[in-house]
Amino acid sequence: MNRLLENISVSKVDGTYVKLLDQMERTSLIILDDFGLHPLDAITRLALLQILEDRYGKKSMIISSQLPVPKWYDYIGESTIADAFMDRLSANAHQFDLKGDSLRKKK
């Protein structure tokens, strides 16, 4: 997730934003790991919504987060965008709540 947010910010500055969105639209599976750890600004909120819109009903996404789903609205920040984001995300979603200790501790 951190790298995606950085790529979005850089692409807005260097003029490759549309190219980045096109590349993400063609990708078969996008995995957003650690969703909710870094704050979203207006640009990244809209970019994530666009990515979801482009992929809706066509391509897959996996989102992992330690932030409970009901708190995603507050994390996204703007209620209209949060509603649109969650609507597109949850329409065809499978949610798995995992419990237990971190597997990283066992290494």
C-alpha atoms as a PDB file:
ATOM      1  CA  MET A   1       0.000   0.000   0.000  1.00  0.00           C
ATOM      2  CA  ASN A   2       2.827   2.362   0.855  1.00  0.00           C
ATOM      3  CA  ARG A   3       4.476   1.927  -2.540  1.00  0.00           C
ATOM      4  CA  LEU A   4       1.159   2.452  -4.347  1.00  0.00           C
ATOM      5  CA  LEU A   5       0.563   5.720  -2.494  1.00  0.00           C
ATOM      6  CA  GLU A   6       4.081   6.865  -3.416  1.00  0.00           C
ATOM      7  CA  ASN A   7       3.575   5.899  -7.074  1.00  0.00           C
ATOM      8  CA  ILE A   8       0.295   7.789  -7.225  1.00  0.00           C
ATOM      9  CA  SER A   9       1.881  10.926  -5.781  1.00  0.00           C
ATOM     10  CA  VAL A  10       4.877  10.779  -8.129  1.00  0.00           C
ATOM     11  CA  SER A  11       2.729  10.062 -11.183  1.00  0.00           C
ATOM     12  CA  LYS A  12       0.580  13.126 -10.489  1.00  0.00           C
ATOM     13  CA  VAL A  13       3.722  15.281 -10.437  1.00  0.00           C
ATOM     14  CA  ASP A  14       5.525  13.787 -13.429  1.00  0.00           C
ATOM     15  CA  GLY A  15       2.468  13.475 -15.692  1.00  0.00           C
ATOM     16  CA  THR A  16       2.255   9.673 -15.792  1.00  0.00           C
ATOM     17  CA  TYR A  17      -0.933   9.357 -13.717  1.00  0.00           C
ATOM     18  CA  VAL A  18      -3.146   8.114 -16.569  1.00  0.00           C
ATOM     19  CA  LYS A  19      -0.428   5.667 -17.621  1.00  0.00           C
ATOM     20  CA  LEU A  20      -0.274   4.317 -14.050  1.00  0.00           C
ATOM     21  CA  LEU A  21      -4.063   3.866 -13.940  1.00  0.00           C
ATOM     22  CA  ASP A  22      -4.028   2.114 -17.324  1.00  0.00           C
ATOM     23  CA  GLN A  23      -1.278  -0.229 -16.150  1.00  0.00           C
ATOM     24  CA  MET A  24      -3.208  -1.067 -12.986  1.00  0.00           C
ATOM     25  CA  GLU A  25      -6.376  -1.681 -14.987  1.00  0.00           C
ATOM     26  CA  ARG A  26      -4.567  -4.288 -17.113  1.00  0.00           C
ATOM     27  CA  THR A  27      -3.086  -6.094 -14.091  1.00  0.00           C
ATOM     28  CA  SER A  28      -4.914  -9.351 -13.361  1.00  0.00           C
ATOM     29  CA  LEU A  29      -4.683  -9.124  -9.572  1.00  0.00           C
ATOM     30  CA  ILE A  30      -3.850  -6.201  -7.323  1.00  0.00           C
ATOM     31  CA  ILE A  31      -2.977  -6.860  -3.694  1.00  0.00           C
ATOM     32  CA  LEU A  32      -3.149  -3.921  -1.302  1.00  0.00           C
ATOM     33  CA  ASP A  33      -1.322  -5.032   1.815  1.00  0.00           C
ATOM     34  CA  ASP A  34      -1.559  -3.039   5.064  1.00  0.00           C
ATOM     35  CA  PHE A  35      -4.530  -0.946   3.941  1.00  0.00           C
ATOM     36  CA  GLY A  36      -5.195   1.719   6.529  1.00  0.00           C
ATOM     37  CA  LEU A  37      -1.706   2.266   7.900  1.00  0.00           C
ATOM     38  CA  HIS A  38      -0.912   5.493   6.046  1.00  0.00           C
ATOM     39  CA  PRO A  39      -3.259   8.491   5.776  1.00  0.00           C
ATOM     40  CA  LEU A  40      -4.982   9.160   2.462  1.00  0.00           C
ATOM     41  CA  ASP A  41      -4.998  12.598   0.916  1.00  0.00           C
ATOM     42  CA  ALA A  42      -7.555  13.815  -1.628  1.00  0.00           C
ATOM     43  CA  ILE A  43      -5.459  12.639  -4.580  1.00  0.00           C
ATOM     44  CA  THR A  44      -4.975   9.100  -3.305  1.00  0.00           C
ATOM     45  CA  ARG A  45      -8.624   8.773  -2.239  1.00  0.00           C
ATOM     46  CA  LEU A  46      -9.749   9.598  -5.766  1.00  0.00           C
ATOM     47  CA  ALA A  47      -7.065   7.394  -7.309  1.00  0.00           C
ATOM     48  CA  LEU A  48      -8.117   4.379  -5.226  1.00  0.00           C
ATOM     49  CA  LEU A  49     -11.734   4.992  -6.178  1.00  0.00           C
ATOM     50  CA  GLN A  50     -10.736   5.155  -9.866  1.00  0.00           C
ATOM     51  CA  ILE A  51      -8.768   1.920  -9.563  1.00  0.00           C
ATOM     52  CA  LEU A  52     -11.787   0.191  -8.016  1.00  0.00           C
ATOM     53  CA  GLU A  53     -14.085   1.624 -10.671  1.00  0.00           C
ATOM     54  CA  ASP A  54     -11.827   0.456 -13.497  1.00  0.00           C
ATOM     55  CA  ARG A  55     -11.619  -3.059 -12.053  1.00  0.00           C
ATOM     56  CA  TYR A  56     -15.234  -3.455 -10.926  1.00  0.00           C
ATOM     57  CA  GLY A  57     -16.655  -6.723 -12.239  1.00  0.00           C
ATOM     58  CA  LYS A  58     -13.565  -7.358 -14.411  1.00  0.00           C
ATOM     59  CA  LYS A  59     -10.440  -7.921 -12.338  1.00  0.00           C
ATOM     60  CA  SER A  60      -9.618  -9.009  -8.805  1.00  0.00           C
ATOM     61  CA  MET A  61      -8.257  -7.225  -5.766  1.00  0.00           C
ATOM     62  CA  ILE A  62      -7.114  -8.503  -2.410  1.00  0.00           C
ATOM     63  CA  ILE A  63      -6.983  -6.030   0.430  1.00  0.00           C
ATOM     64  CA  SER A  64      -5.392  -6.923   3.736  1.00  0.00           C
ATOM     65  CA  SER A  65      -5.739  -4.684   6.740  1.00  0.00           C
ATOM     66  CA  GLN A  66      -5.387  -4.698  10.475  1.00  0.00           C
ATOM     67  CA  LEU A  67      -8.012  -1.962  10.511  1.00  0.00           C
ATOM     68  CA  PRO A  68     -11.532  -3.382  10.985  1.00  0.00           C
ATOM     69  CA  VAL A  69     -13.726  -2.843   7.914  1.00  0.00           C
ATOM     70  CA  PRO A  70     -16.252  -0.605   9.758  1.00  0.00           C
ATOM     71  CA  LYS A  71     -13.387   1.835  10.422  1.00  0.00           C
ATOM     72  CA  TRP A  72     -12.514   2.073   6.726  1.00  0.00           C
ATOM     73  CA  TYR A  73     -15.078   4.876   6.298  1.00  0.00           C
ATOM     74  CA  ASP A  74     -13.208   7.030   8.812  1.00  0.00           C
ATOM     75  CA  TYR A  75      -9.871   6.064   7.281  1.00  0.00           C
ATOM     76  CA  ILE A  76     -10.936   6.998   3.747  1.00  0.00           C
ATOM     77  CA  GLY A  77     -11.997  10.312   5.177  1.00  0.00           C
ATOM     78  CA  GLU A  78     -14.557  11.810   2.831  1.00  0.00           C
ATOM     79  CA  SER A  79     -17.994  10.248   3.249  1.00  0.00           C
ATOM     80  CA  THR A  80     -19.102  10.443  -0.392  1.00  0.00           C
ATOM     81  CA  ILE A  81     -15.893   8.846  -1.639  1.00  0.00           C
ATOM     82  CA  ALA A  82     -15.958   6.305   1.201  1.00  0.00           C
ATOM     83  CA  ASP A  83     -19.523   5.301   0.256  1.00  0.00           C
ATOM     84  CA  ALA A  84     -18.560   4.888  -3.406  1.00  0.00           C
ATOM     85  CA  PHE A  85     -15.363   3.019  -2.489  1.00  0.00           C
ATOM     86  CA  MET A  86     -17.106   0.610  -0.133  1.00  0.00           C
ATOM     87  CA  ASP A  87     -20.025   0.086  -2.536  1.00  0.00           C
ATOM     88  CA  ARG A  88     -17.725  -0.997  -5.352  1.00  0.00           C
ATOM     89  CA  LEU A  89     -15.520  -3.032  -3.070  1.00  0.00           C
ATOM     90  CA  SER A  90     -18.223  -4.892  -1.165  1.00  0.00           C
ATOM     91  CA  ALA A  91     -20.594  -5.681  -4.051  1.00  0.00           C
ATOM     92  CA  ASN A  92     -18.706  -8.834  -5.046  1.00  0.00           C
ATOM     93  CA  ALA A  93     -16.419  -9.271  -2.051  1.00  0.00           C
ATOM     94  CA  HIS A  94     -15.506 -12.168   0.167  1.00  0.00           C
ATOM     95  CA  GLN A  95     -14.400 -11.102   3.625  1.00  0.00           C
ATOM     96  CA  PHE A  96     -12.169 -13.220   5.840  1.00  0.00           C
ATOM     97  CA  ASP A  97     -11.459 -12.198   9.405  1.00  0.00           C
ATOM     98  CA  LEU A  98      -8.265 -13.856  10.582  1.00  0.00           C
ATOM     99  CA  LYS A  99      -7.434 -14.392  14.219  1.00  0.00           C
ATOM    100  CA  GLY A 100      -4.354 -15.609  16.009  1.00  0.00           C
ATOM    101  CA  ASP A 101      -0.753 -14.686  16.544  1.00  0.00           C
ATOM    102  CA  SER A 102       1.456 -13.279  13.839  1.00  0.00           C
ATOM    103  CA  LEU A 103       3.229 -15.917  11.795  1.00  0.00           C
ATOM    104  CA  ARG A 104       6.276 -13.646  11.682  1.00  0.00           C
ATOM    105  CA  LYS A 105       6.891 -14.302  15.375  1.00  0.00           C
ATOM    106  CA  LYS A 106       7.489 -17.979  14.647  1.00  0.00           C
ATOM    107  CA  LYS A 107      10.411 -17.348  12.275  1.00  0.00           C
END
